[in-house]
Amino acid sequence: MRITLVLTPMSDQNLRLASQVGVTDIVTRYPGTHLDELLAMRDLVAGFGLRLSAVEGYVPMDRIKLGQPGRDEEIEDIRTLIRNMGKAGVEVLCYNFMAGSDWSRTSFAISDRGGALVSGFDASLADRLPIEEVPPMREGQMWDHLEYFLRRVVPVAEEAGVKLALHPDDPPMSPLRGVTRILTSVEAFERVLELAPSPANGICFCQGCFLEMGADLLPTIRRLGKHIQYVHFRDVRGTVPQFVETFHDSGPTDMFQALRAYREVGFAGPMRPDHVPQLAGEESGEPGYTMLGRLWAVGYMRGLMDAMDSTC
C-alpha cells in the first residue's frame, strides 16, 4: 500500500511537503490527451522523489454517461489518455459514472473537533444541490451506457497496462434530485465486474461511499478485494439518507483493521486520504482537499501502517 495525495494546487511547495511527510505517490487531475503534458507532469513529480501513479477527476464523460451524440469522441479521447498513461507509466485511471454532478454534499461547513469544518449530506435538503438538468434516464439505460463504455475501453487498458478504477456514486442513492444513479450498492459493483471481466476492470474502493451505503466494511473489502485497484481512505458517521464526514481517527470505523483487511486481500496499490477536514486558516480552501488536513491524515495513516507492520 502506497500513501498517495492529490494536490490542489500541484505546486512545488505542495510537492515538497508531500515528499517531506513520507508520501510516495501523486495523483493528477485530467491532463488532457497530449502525451507531452502527461510526461511533463510525471517528470515534475519525479523531481521531488515521487511517482505519478493515478489520473482522477474531471475526466470528460458526460455524453458517455447519458448515451448522447458525441460519446464515441469522448471514448476515443479516453482511449488516447489510457495509451498515454501506459507510455508514461501511470498505472490507475479513476473515473465515476455520476450524471449531472460529481460528489454532492448539502453542507461543507459542519463544525467538528476543535471547530474544524467537515462536509455532510442530508437528503431532506437535497433540493439545494447544484445538479445540472439531464434527460430522464432509466437504470437499465445507464447500465447499457456503462457497458458500452467498458467494452470499448477495457481492451485498450489491458494493452496499455493501465487499471480502471470505478468510483461509487457519492452519495450512493437513486434518484438524486431526479437523476438516476446506479453505483449505489456492493452488488452493483459485482455487476460492473461481470460486464467486462478483466484484470483491467476494477474498483476505486472509496471507504466513505461504501459506508454511506450501509455496507459492513471489512467483509466488503474481502468480498471485492482482488478487484480493488485504488483506495480512498476516509470515514463517515451515518448512512444515506444522512451522514457526516469525520476525522480519520474519530469516526465509527476501525481504520487499523481496515488496513489489515487490505493487506489480507493483497492490495498493494495507491491509497489516498480523502475528504479531509478543513483546519484553522484553510476555511476558504477547496472543501475536503485542503493541505493541512491531508498532512495530518498522512501522519495518521503512516502511524497505522507502522503499527500494522510491527504486529504482523
C-alpha atoms as a PDB file:
ATOM      1  CA  MET A   1       0.000   0.000   0.000  1.00  0.00           C
ATOM      2  CA  ARG A   2       1.410   3.327  -1.097  1.00  0.00           C
ATOM      3  CA  ILE A   3       0.303   6.589   0.520  1.00  0.00           C
ATOM      4  CA  THR A   4      -0.820   8.894  -2.250  1.00  0.00           C
ATOM      5  CA  LEU A   5      -2.021  12.504  -2.480  1.00  0.00           C
ATOM      6  CA  VAL A   6      -3.921  14.655  -4.913  1.00  0.00           C
ATOM      7  CA  LEU A   7      -2.505  18.170  -4.594  1.00  0.00           C
ATOM      8  CA  THR A   8      -4.555  21.314  -5.108  1.00  0.00           C
ATOM      9  CA  PRO A   9      -2.685  23.111  -6.432  1.00  0.00           C
ATOM     10  CA  MET A  10       0.049  20.929  -7.877  1.00  0.00           C
ATOM     11  CA  SER A  11       2.717  23.379  -6.757  1.00  0.00           C
ATOM     12  CA  ASP A  12       6.375  22.954  -5.898  1.00  0.00           C
ATOM     13  CA  GLN A  13       5.582  23.748  -2.269  1.00  0.00           C
ATOM     14  CA  ASN A  14       2.886  21.100  -2.019  1.00  0.00           C
ATOM     15  CA  LEU A  15       5.040  18.533  -3.789  1.00  0.00           C
ATOM     16  CA  ARG A  16       7.861  19.301  -1.358  1.00  0.00           C
ATOM     17  CA  LEU A  17       5.513  18.952   1.617  1.00  0.00           C
ATOM     18  CA  ALA A  18       4.220  15.625   0.296  1.00  0.00           C
ATOM     19  CA  SER A  19       7.757  14.320  -0.030  1.00  0.00           C
ATOM     20  CA  GLN A  20       8.706  15.553   3.440  1.00  0.00           C
ATOM     21  CA  VAL A  21       5.855  13.744   5.227  1.00  0.00           C
ATOM     22  CA  GLY A  22       6.546  10.402   3.535  1.00  0.00           C
ATOM     23  CA  VAL A  23       4.080  10.345   0.647  1.00  0.00           C
ATOM     24  CA  THR A  24       5.362   8.230  -2.236  1.00  0.00           C
ATOM     25  CA  ASP A  25       2.752   8.699  -4.973  1.00  0.00           C
ATOM     26  CA  ILE A  26       0.841  11.589  -6.527  1.00  0.00           C
ATOM     27  CA  VAL A  27      -2.496  11.824  -8.350  1.00  0.00           C
ATOM     28  CA  THR A  28      -3.117  14.305 -11.143  1.00  0.00           C
ATOM     29  CA  ARG A  29      -6.460  15.510 -12.369  1.00  0.00           C
ATOM     30  CA  TYR A  30      -7.366  15.005 -16.037  1.00  0.00           C
ATOM     31  CA  PRO A  31      -4.283  16.136 -18.027  1.00  0.00           C
ATOM     32  CA  GLY A  32      -5.864  16.169 -21.491  1.00  0.00           C
ATOM     33  CA  THR A  33      -4.933  13.924 -24.388  1.00  0.00           C
ATOM     34  CA  HIS A  34      -1.442  15.189 -25.227  1.00  0.00           C
ATOM     35  CA  LEU A  35       1.323  12.810 -24.172  1.00  0.00           C
ATOM     36  CA  ASP A  36       3.811  15.656 -23.702  1.00  0.00           C
ATOM     37  CA  GLU A  37       1.644  17.225 -20.977  1.00  0.00           C
ATOM     38  CA  LEU A  38       1.395  13.959 -19.071  1.00  0.00           C
ATOM     39  CA  LEU A  39       5.124  13.325 -19.379  1.00  0.00           C
ATOM     40  CA  ALA A  40       5.860  16.839 -18.123  1.00  0.00           C
ATOM     41  CA  MET A  41       3.642  16.233 -15.091  1.00  0.00           C
ATOM     42  CA  ARG A  42       5.300  12.867 -14.442  1.00  0.00           C
ATOM     43  CA  ASP A  43       8.755  14.449 -14.614  1.00  0.00           C
ATOM     44  CA  LEU A  44       7.744  17.354 -12.360  1.00  0.00           C
ATOM     45  CA  VAL A  45       6.542  14.890  -9.718  1.00  0.00           C
ATOM     46  CA  ALA A  46       9.638  12.711 -10.132  1.00  0.00           C
ATOM     47  CA  GLY A  47      11.815  15.741  -9.472  1.00  0.00           C
ATOM     48  CA  PHE A  48      10.604  15.624  -5.851  1.00  0.00           C
ATOM     49  CA  GLY A  49      11.298  11.894  -5.497  1.00  0.00           C
ATOM     50  CA  LEU A  50       7.627  10.986  -6.033  1.00  0.00           C
ATOM     51  CA  ARG A  51       5.770   8.820  -8.532  1.00  0.00           C
ATOM     52  CA  LEU A  52       2.782   9.882 -10.611  1.00  0.00           C
ATOM     53  CA  SER A  53       0.521   6.871 -10.165  1.00  0.00           C
ATOM     54  CA  ALA A  54      -3.059   7.899 -10.998  1.00  0.00           C
ATOM     55  CA  VAL A  55      -5.300  10.191 -13.019  1.00  0.00           C
ATOM     56  CA  GLU A  56      -8.505  11.162 -11.231  1.00  0.00           C
ATOM     57  CA  GLY A  57     -11.050  13.931 -11.548  1.00  0.00           C
ATOM     58  CA  TYR A  58     -12.670  15.950 -14.339  1.00  0.00           C
ATOM     59  CA  VAL A  59     -12.424  13.111 -16.871  1.00  0.00           C
ATOM     60  CA  PRO A  60     -14.819  14.279 -19.665  1.00  0.00           C
ATOM     61  CA  MET A  61     -17.555  11.621 -19.765  1.00  0.00           C
ATOM     62  CA  ASP A  62     -20.889  13.462 -19.702  1.00  0.00           C
ATOM     63  CA  ARG A  63     -22.016  12.238 -23.127  1.00  0.00           C
ATOM     64  CA  ILE A  64     -20.841   8.706 -22.342  1.00  0.00           C
ATOM     65  CA  LYS A  65     -22.918   8.580 -19.166  1.00  0.00           C
ATOM     66  CA  LEU A  66     -26.033   9.836 -20.924  1.00  0.00           C
ATOM     67  CA  GLY A  67     -25.574   7.943 -24.191  1.00  0.00           C
ATOM     68  CA  GLN A  68     -25.653  11.190 -26.161  1.00  0.00           C
ATOM     69  CA  PRO A  69     -24.201  12.024 -29.584  1.00  0.00           C
ATOM     70  CA  GLY A  70     -20.502  12.670 -29.142  1.00  0.00           C
ATOM     71  CA  ARG A  71     -19.936   9.811 -26.720  1.00  0.00           C
ATOM     72  CA  ASP A  72     -17.741   7.964 -29.213  1.00  0.00           C
ATOM     73  CA  GLU A  73     -15.497  11.008 -29.452  1.00  0.00           C
ATOM     74  CA  GLU A  74     -15.271  11.134 -25.636  1.00  0.00           C
ATOM     75  CA  ILE A  75     -14.445   7.425 -25.575  1.00  0.00           C
ATOM     76  CA  GLU A  76     -11.699   7.933 -28.160  1.00  0.00           C
ATOM     77  CA  ASP A  77     -10.190  10.714 -26.027  1.00  0.00           C
ATOM     78  CA  ILE A  78     -10.192   8.391 -23.013  1.00  0.00           C
ATOM     79  CA  ARG A  79      -8.607   5.614 -25.068  1.00  0.00           C
ATOM     80  CA  THR A  80      -5.888   8.086 -26.065  1.00  0.00           C
ATOM     81  CA  LEU A  81      -5.423   9.099 -22.434  1.00  0.00           C
ATOM     82  CA  ILE A  82      -5.067   5.445 -21.400  1.00  0.00           C
ATOM     83  CA  ARG A  83      -2.454   4.788 -24.078  1.00  0.00           C
ATOM     84  CA  ASN A  84      -0.556   7.867 -22.943  1.00  0.00           C
ATOM     85  CA  MET A  85      -0.746   6.692 -19.334  1.00  0.00           C
ATOM     86  CA  GLY A  86       0.748   3.359 -20.363  1.00  0.00           C
ATOM     87  CA  LYS A  87       3.626   5.130 -22.097  1.00  0.00           C
ATOM     88  CA  ALA A  88       4.195   7.385 -19.078  1.00  0.00           C
ATOM     89  CA  GLY A  89       3.966   4.559 -16.528  1.00  0.00           C
ATOM     90  CA  VAL A  90       0.854   5.963 -14.792  1.00  0.00           C
ATOM     91  CA  GLU A  91      -0.981   2.913 -13.585  1.00  0.00           C
ATOM     92  CA  VAL A  92      -4.537   3.873 -12.494  1.00  0.00           C
ATOM     93  CA  LEU A  93      -7.378   5.804 -14.126  1.00  0.00           C
ATOM     94  CA  CYS A  94     -10.078   6.613 -11.574  1.00  0.00           C
ATOM     95  CA  TYR A  95     -13.441   7.644 -13.027  1.00  0.00           C
ATOM     96  CA  ASN A  96     -17.080   7.835 -11.966  1.00  0.00           C
ATOM     97  CA  PHE A  97     -20.460   7.386 -13.631  1.00  0.00           C
ATOM     98  CA  MET A  98     -22.412  10.112 -11.832  1.00  0.00           C
ATOM     99  CA  ALA A  99     -24.544  12.037 -14.316  1.00  0.00           C
ATOM    100  CA  GLY A 100     -25.419  15.658 -13.636  1.00  0.00           C
ATOM    101  CA  SER A 101     -22.812  16.257 -10.932  1.00  0.00           C
ATOM    102  CA  ASP A 102     -19.782  14.896  -9.159  1.00  0.00           C
ATOM    103  CA  TRP A 103     -19.808  14.091  -5.426  1.00  0.00           C
ATOM    104  CA  SER A 104     -22.510  16.083  -3.640  1.00  0.00           C
ATOM    105  CA  ARG A 105     -22.990  17.431  -0.140  1.00  0.00           C
ATOM    106  CA  THR A 106     -25.712  19.600   1.346  1.00  0.00           C
ATOM    107  CA  SER A 107     -23.187  21.290   3.653  1.00  0.00           C
ATOM    108  CA  PHE A 108     -19.429  21.861   3.657  1.00  0.00           C
ATOM    109  CA  ALA A 109     -19.292  23.796   6.918  1.00  0.00           C
ATOM    110  CA  ILE A 110     -20.311  21.436   9.721  1.00  0.00           C
ATOM    111  CA  SER A 111     -18.263  22.059  12.852  1.00  0.00           C
ATOM    112  CA  ASP A 112     -16.306  19.055  14.077  1.00  0.00           C
ATOM    113  CA  ARG A 113     -13.445  18.630  16.559  1.00  0.00           C
ATOM    114  CA  GLY A 114     -11.998  21.957  17.612  1.00  0.00           C
ATOM    115  CA  GLY A 115     -14.157  23.785  15.095  1.00  0.00           C
ATOM    116  CA  ALA A 116     -12.662  22.070  12.059  1.00  0.00           C
ATOM    117  CA  LEU A 117     -15.089  22.051   9.133  1.00  0.00           C
ATOM    118  CA  VAL A 118     -16.381  18.830   7.591  1.00  0.00           C
ATOM    119  CA  SER A 119     -18.957  18.066   4.940  1.00  0.00           C
ATOM    120  CA  GLY A 120     -22.270  16.310   5.339  1.00  0.00           C
ATOM    121  CA  PHE A 121     -25.322  15.150   3.442  1.00  0.00           C
ATOM    122  CA  ASP A 122     -28.996  15.295   4.373  1.00  0.00           C
ATOM    123  CA  ALA A 123     -31.416  14.021   1.731  1.00  0.00           C
ATOM    124  CA  SER A 124     -34.154  16.287   3.080  1.00  0.00           C
ATOM    125  CA  LEU A 125     -32.022  19.255   1.933  1.00  0.00           C
ATOM    126  CA  ALA A 126     -31.064  17.818  -1.459  1.00  0.00           C
ATOM    127  CA  ASP A 127     -33.078  20.421  -3.330  1.00  0.00           C
ATOM    128  CA  ARG A 128     -30.226  22.869  -2.690  1.00  0.00           C
ATOM    129  CA  LEU A 129     -27.708  20.782  -4.669  1.00  0.00           C
ATOM    130  CA  PRO A 130     -26.367  22.364  -7.881  1.00  0.00           C
ATOM    131  CA  ILE A 131     -27.119  19.419 -10.160  1.00  0.00           C
ATOM    132  CA  GLU A 132     -27.348  20.011 -13.903  1.00  0.00           C
ATOM    133  CA  GLU A 133     -30.567  19.034 -15.598  1.00  0.00           C
ATOM    134  CA  VAL A 134     -30.207  15.834 -17.593  1.00  0.00           C
ATOM    135  CA  PRO A 135     -32.709  13.874 -19.686  1.00  0.00           C
ATOM    136  CA  PRO A 136     -34.799  11.320 -17.767  1.00  0.00           C
ATOM    137  CA  MET A 137     -32.892   8.069 -17.649  1.00  0.00           C
ATOM    138  CA  ARG A 138     -33.925   4.580 -16.567  1.00  0.00           C
ATOM    139  CA  GLU A 139     -31.478   2.411 -14.630  1.00  0.00           C
ATOM    140  CA  GLY A 140     -31.326  -0.066 -17.485  1.00  0.00           C
ATOM    141  CA  GLN A 141     -30.230   2.682 -19.859  1.00  0.00           C
ATOM    142  CA  MET A 142     -27.452   3.762 -17.512  1.00  0.00           C
ATOM    143  CA  TRP A 143     -26.224   0.190 -17.276  1.00  0.00           C
ATOM    144  CA  ASP A 144     -26.261  -0.068 -21.078  1.00  0.00           C
ATOM    145  CA  HIS A 145     -24.187   3.109 -21.336  1.00  0.00           C
ATOM    146  CA  LEU A 146     -21.654   1.837 -18.814  1.00  0.00           C
ATOM    147  CA  GLU A 147     -21.335  -1.489 -20.623  1.00  0.00           C
ATOM    148  CA  TYR A 148     -20.905   0.330 -23.957  1.00  0.00           C
ATOM    149  CA  PHE A 149     -18.040   2.299 -22.420  1.00  0.00           C
ATOM    150  CA  LEU A 150     -16.331  -0.658 -20.751  1.00  0.00           C
ATOM    151  CA  ARG A 151     -16.381  -2.857 -23.844  1.00  0.00           C
ATOM    152  CA  ARG A 152     -14.561  -0.181 -25.814  1.00  0.00           C
ATOM    153  CA  VAL A 153     -12.091   0.919 -23.165  1.00  0.00           C
ATOM    154  CA  VAL A 154     -11.129  -2.183 -21.168  1.00  0.00           C
ATOM    155  CA  PRO A 155      -9.224  -3.856 -24.058  1.00  0.00           C
ATOM    156  CA  VAL A 156      -7.161  -0.674 -24.523  1.00  0.00           C
ATOM    157  CA  ALA A 157      -6.402  -0.586 -20.787  1.00  0.00           C
ATOM    158  CA  GLU A 158      -5.287  -4.211 -20.940  1.00  0.00           C
ATOM    159  CA  GLU A 159      -2.892  -3.453 -23.790  1.00  0.00           C
ATOM    160  CA  ALA A 160      -1.532  -0.338 -22.062  1.00  0.00           C
ATOM    161  CA  GLY A 161      -1.106  -1.975 -18.667  1.00  0.00           C
ATOM    162  CA  VAL A 162      -3.459   0.556 -17.054  1.00  0.00           C
ATOM    163  CA  LYS A 163      -6.061  -0.297 -14.417  1.00  0.00           C
ATOM    164  CA  LEU A 164      -9.529   1.264 -14.487  1.00  0.00           C
ATOM    165  CA  ALA A 165     -10.901   2.105 -11.040  1.00  0.00           C
ATOM    166  CA  LEU A 166     -14.613   2.957 -10.930  1.00  0.00           C
ATOM    167  CA  HIS A 167     -15.684   5.199  -8.046  1.00  0.00           C
ATOM    168  CA  PRO A 168     -19.067   4.676  -6.325  1.00  0.00           C
ATOM    169  CA  ASP A 169     -21.828   7.243  -6.550  1.00  0.00           C
ATOM    170  CA  ASP A 170     -21.500   9.751  -3.718  1.00  0.00           C
ATOM    171  CA  PRO A 171     -23.974   9.897  -2.103  1.00  0.00           C
ATOM    172  CA  PRO A 172     -24.960   6.344  -3.088  1.00  0.00           C
ATOM    173  CA  MET A 173     -28.666   6.953  -3.608  1.00  0.00           C
ATOM    174  CA  SER A 174     -31.010   6.988  -6.582  1.00  0.00           C
ATOM    175  CA  PRO A 175     -32.551   9.134  -7.775  1.00  0.00           C
ATOM    176  CA  LEU A 176     -30.665  12.224  -6.618  1.00  0.00           C
ATOM    177  CA  ARG A 177     -32.721  15.294  -7.457  1.00  0.00           C
ATOM    178  CA  GLY A 178     -34.384  13.291 -10.193  1.00  0.00           C
ATOM    179  CA  VAL A 179     -31.127  11.968 -11.677  1.00  0.00           C
ATOM    180  CA  THR A 180     -30.712   8.201 -11.874  1.00  0.00           C
ATOM    181  CA  ARG A 181     -27.685   6.650 -10.156  1.00  0.00           C
ATOM    182  CA  ILE A 182     -26.661   3.000 -10.486  1.00  0.00           C
ATOM    183  CA  LEU A 183     -23.466   2.513  -8.438  1.00  0.00           C
ATOM    184  CA  THR A 184     -25.124   2.550  -5.048  1.00  0.00           C
ATOM    185  CA  SER A 185     -24.516  -0.957  -3.656  1.00  0.00           C
ATOM    186  CA  VAL A 186     -21.932  -3.695  -3.336  1.00  0.00           C
ATOM    187  CA  GLU A 187     -23.997  -5.825  -5.708  1.00  0.00           C
ATOM    188  CA  ALA A 188     -23.811  -3.075  -8.332  1.00  0.00           C
ATOM    189  CA  PHE A 189     -20.018  -3.310  -8.317  1.00  0.00           C
ATOM    190  CA  GLU A 190     -20.145  -7.063  -8.727  1.00  0.00           C
ATOM    191  CA  ARG A 191     -22.339  -6.442 -11.771  1.00  0.00           C
ATOM    192  CA  VAL A 192     -19.754  -3.981 -13.152  1.00  0.00           C
ATOM    193  CA  LEU A 193     -17.048  -6.623 -12.871  1.00  0.00           C
ATOM    194  CA  GLU A 194     -19.254  -9.125 -14.723  1.00  0.00           C
ATOM    195  CA  LEU A 195     -19.890  -6.673 -17.593  1.00  0.00           C
ATOM    196  CA  ALA A 196     -16.243  -6.767 -18.663  1.00  0.00           C
ATOM    197  CA  PRO A 197     -14.272  -9.466 -16.840  1.00  0.00           C
ATOM    198  CA  SER A 198     -10.650  -8.354 -16.906  1.00  0.00           C
ATOM    199  CA  PRO A 199      -7.815  -7.518 -14.509  1.00  0.00           C
ATOM    200  CA  ALA A 200      -8.013  -4.015 -16.012  1.00  0.00           C
ATOM    201  CA  ASN A 201     -11.649  -3.519 -14.943  1.00  0.00           C
ATOM    202  CA  GLY A 202     -11.507  -2.687 -11.264  1.00  0.00           C
ATOM    203  CA  ILE A 203     -12.772  -0.617  -8.372  1.00  0.00           C
ATOM    204  CA  CYS A 204     -11.849   2.569  -6.600  1.00  0.00           C
ATOM    205  CA  PHE A 205     -12.733   1.428  -3.103  1.00  0.00           C
ATOM    206  CA  CYS A 206     -13.928   4.650  -1.504  1.00  0.00           C
ATOM    207  CA  GLN A 207     -14.427   3.644   2.109  1.00  0.00           C
ATOM    208  CA  GLY A 208     -16.732   6.544   2.804  1.00  0.00           C
ATOM    209  CA  CYS A 209     -19.081   5.668  -0.055  1.00  0.00           C
ATOM    210  CA  PHE A 210     -19.343   2.006   0.920  1.00  0.00           C
ATOM    211  CA  LEU A 211     -20.034   3.066   4.499  1.00  0.00           C
ATOM    212  CA  GLU A 212     -22.673   5.508   3.260  1.00  0.00           C
ATOM    213  CA  MET A 213     -24.343   2.534   1.549  1.00  0.00           C
ATOM    214  CA  GLY A 214     -24.532   0.799   4.909  1.00  0.00           C
ATOM    215  CA  ALA A 215     -22.053  -1.892   3.851  1.00  0.00           C
ATOM    216  CA  ASP A 216     -20.135  -3.827   6.509  1.00  0.00           C
ATOM    217  CA  LEU A 217     -16.684  -2.524   5.624  1.00  0.00           C
ATOM    218  CA  LEU A 218     -14.281  -5.345   6.468  1.00  0.00           C
ATOM    219  CA  PRO A 219     -16.301  -8.141   4.815  1.00  0.00           C
ATOM    220  CA  THR A 220     -16.811  -5.876   1.798  1.00  0.00           C
ATOM    221  CA  ILE A 221     -13.069  -5.293   1.429  1.00  0.00           C
ATOM    222  CA  ARG A 222     -12.571  -9.048   1.461  1.00  0.00           C
ATOM    223  CA  ARG A 223     -15.523  -9.619  -0.912  1.00  0.00           C
ATOM    224  CA  LEU A 224     -14.233  -7.209  -3.566  1.00  0.00           C
ATOM    225  CA  GLY A 225     -10.559  -7.407  -2.642  1.00  0.00           C
ATOM    226  CA  LYS A 226      -8.952  -8.809  -5.786  1.00  0.00           C
ATOM    227  CA  HIS A 227     -10.651  -6.118  -7.875  1.00  0.00           C
ATOM    228  CA  ILE A 228      -9.600  -3.133  -5.738  1.00  0.00           C
ATOM    229  CA  GLN A 229      -7.131  -1.037  -7.731  1.00  0.00           C
ATOM    230  CA  TYR A 230      -7.189   2.205  -5.744  1.00  0.00           C
ATOM    231  CA  VAL A 231      -8.385   3.226  -2.268  1.00  0.00           C
ATOM    232  CA  HIS A 232      -9.906   6.404  -0.849  1.00  0.00           C
ATOM    233  CA  PHE A 233      -9.213   6.150   2.869  1.00  0.00           C
ATOM    234  CA  ARG A 234     -11.861   8.077   4.820  1.00  0.00           C
ATOM    235  CA  ASP A 235     -14.642   7.660   7.349  1.00  0.00           C
ATOM    236  CA  VAL A 236     -18.201   8.892   7.852  1.00  0.00           C
ATOM    237  CA  ARG A 237     -20.743   8.868  10.634  1.00  0.00           C
ATOM    238  CA  GLY A 238     -24.176   7.723   9.490  1.00  0.00           C
ATOM    239  CA  THR A 239     -25.528   6.332   6.228  1.00  0.00           C
ATOM    240  CA  VAL A 240     -27.779   7.536   3.434  1.00  0.00           C
ATOM    241  CA  PRO A 241     -30.049   9.490   3.776  1.00  0.00           C
ATOM    242  CA  GLN A 242     -27.977  11.412   6.359  1.00  0.00           C
ATOM    243  CA  PHE A 243     -24.257  11.268   7.124  1.00  0.00           C
ATOM    244  CA  VAL A 244     -21.313  13.466   8.110  1.00  0.00           C
ATOM    245  CA  GLU A 245     -17.608  13.213   7.278  1.00  0.00           C
ATOM    246  CA  THR A 246     -15.211  12.720  10.202  1.00  0.00           C
ATOM    247  CA  PHE A 247     -11.554  12.969  11.041  1.00  0.00           C
ATOM    248  CA  HIS A 248      -9.865   9.690  10.182  1.00  0.00           C
ATOM    249  CA  ASP A 249      -9.412   8.867  13.862  1.00  0.00           C
ATOM    250  CA  SER A 250     -12.820   9.914  15.199  1.00  0.00           C
ATOM    251  CA  GLY A 251     -15.325   8.038  13.050  1.00  0.00           C
ATOM    252  CA  PRO A 252     -17.000   4.700  13.785  1.00  0.00           C
ATOM    253  CA  THR A 253     -14.661   2.583  11.628  1.00  0.00           C
ATOM    254  CA  ASP A 254     -11.700   0.632  12.981  1.00  0.00           C
ATOM    255  CA  MET A 255      -9.243   2.076  10.479  1.00  0.00           C
ATOM    256  CA  PHE A 256      -6.423  -0.173  11.667  1.00  0.00           C
ATOM    257  CA  GLN A 257      -8.485  -3.272  10.895  1.00  0.00           C
ATOM    258  CA  ALA A 258      -9.417  -1.789   7.528  1.00  0.00           C
ATOM    259  CA  LEU A 259      -5.725  -1.549   6.626  1.00  0.00           C
ATOM    260  CA  ARG A 260      -5.187  -5.116   7.751  1.00  0.00           C
ATOM    261  CA  ALA A 261      -8.055  -6.234   5.520  1.00  0.00           C
ATOM    262  CA  TYR A 262      -6.473  -4.544   2.502  1.00  0.00           C
ATOM    263  CA  ARG A 263      -3.219  -6.314   3.242  1.00  0.00           C
ATOM    264  CA  GLU A 264      -5.029  -9.641   3.624  1.00  0.00           C
ATOM    265  CA  VAL A 265      -6.541  -9.363   0.130  1.00  0.00           C
ATOM    266  CA  GLY A 266      -3.169  -8.453  -1.366  1.00  0.00           C
ATOM    267  CA  PHE A 267      -3.847  -4.812  -2.173  1.00  0.00           C
ATOM    268  CA  ALA A 268      -0.558  -3.036  -2.908  1.00  0.00           C
ATOM    269  CA  GLY A 269      -1.661  -0.005  -4.884  1.00  0.00           C
ATOM    270  CA  PRO A 270      -2.128   3.717  -4.295  1.00  0.00           C
ATOM    271  CA  MET A 271      -4.210   4.771  -1.297  1.00  0.00           C
ATOM    272  CA  ARG A 272      -5.021   8.376  -0.543  1.00  0.00           C
ATOM    273  CA  PRO A 273      -6.732  10.187   2.327  1.00  0.00           C
ATOM    274  CA  ASP A 274      -9.974  11.651   1.067  1.00  0.00           C
ATOM    275  CA  HIS A 275     -12.300  14.486   2.114  1.00  0.00           C
ATOM    276  CA  VAL A 276     -10.196  15.719   4.985  1.00  0.00           C
ATOM    277  CA  PRO A 277     -11.469  18.327   7.484  1.00  0.00           C
ATOM    278  CA  GLN A 278     -10.588  21.965   6.870  1.00  0.00           C
ATOM    279  CA  LEU A 279      -8.320  23.104   9.684  1.00  0.00           C
ATOM    280  CA  ALA A 280      -7.844  26.600  11.079  1.00  0.00           C
ATOM    281  CA  GLY A 281      -6.707  29.060   8.442  1.00  0.00           C
ATOM    282  CA  GLU A 282      -7.883  26.994   5.478  1.00  0.00           C
ATOM    283  CA  GLU A 283     -11.623  27.604   5.698  1.00  0.00           C
ATOM    284  CA  SER A 284     -11.625  29.275   2.284  1.00  0.00           C
ATOM    285  CA  GLY A 285      -9.902  26.379   0.523  1.00  0.00           C
ATOM    286  CA  GLU A 286     -11.460  23.656  -1.601  1.00  0.00           C
ATOM    287  CA  PRO A 287     -13.662  21.630   0.807  1.00  0.00           C
ATOM    288  CA  GLY A 288     -12.170  18.216   1.522  1.00  0.00           C
ATOM    289  CA  TYR A 289      -8.913  18.977  -0.281  1.00  0.00           C
ATOM    290  CA  THR A 290      -7.014  21.438   1.886  1.00  0.00           C
ATOM    291  CA  MET A 291      -3.370  20.710   2.620  1.00  0.00           C
ATOM    292  CA  LEU A 292      -3.158  20.834   6.428  1.00  0.00           C
ATOM    293  CA  GLY A 293      -5.880  18.215   6.816  1.00  0.00           C
ATOM    294  CA  ARG A 294      -4.191  15.963   4.304  1.00  0.00           C
ATOM    295  CA  LEU A 295      -0.822  16.251   6.031  1.00  0.00           C
ATOM    296  CA  TRP A 296      -2.491  15.290   9.307  1.00  0.00           C
ATOM    297  CA  ALA A 297      -4.168  12.319   7.611  1.00  0.00           C
ATOM    298  CA  VAL A 298      -0.884  11.130   6.097  1.00  0.00           C
ATOM    299  CA  GLY A 299       0.738  11.070   9.533  1.00  0.00           C
ATOM    300  CA  TYR A 300      -2.187   9.073  10.902  1.00  0.00           C
ATOM    301  CA  MET A 301      -2.008   6.590   8.029  1.00  0.00           C
ATOM    302  CA  ARG A 302       1.749   6.160   8.424  1.00  0.00           C
ATOM    303  CA  GLY A 303       1.276   5.507  12.134  1.00  0.00           C
ATOM    304  CA  LEU A 304      -1.335   2.832  11.440  1.00  0.00           C
ATOM    305  CA  MET A 305       0.871   1.194   8.830  1.00  0.00           C
ATOM    306  CA  ASP A 306       3.869   1.164  11.185  1.00  0.00           C
ATOM    307  CA  ALA A 307       1.714  -0.384  13.895  1.00  0.00           C
ATOM    308  CA  MET A 308       0.448  -2.995  11.449  1.00  0.00           C
ATOM    309  CA  ASP A 309       3.988  -3.846  10.356  1.00  0.00           C
ATOM    310  CA  SER A 310       5.088  -4.284  13.957  1.00  0.00           C
ATOM    311  CA  THR A 311       2.259  -6.727  14.721  1.00  0.00           C
ATOM    312  CA  CYS A 312       2.460  -8.864  11.579  1.00  0.00           C
END
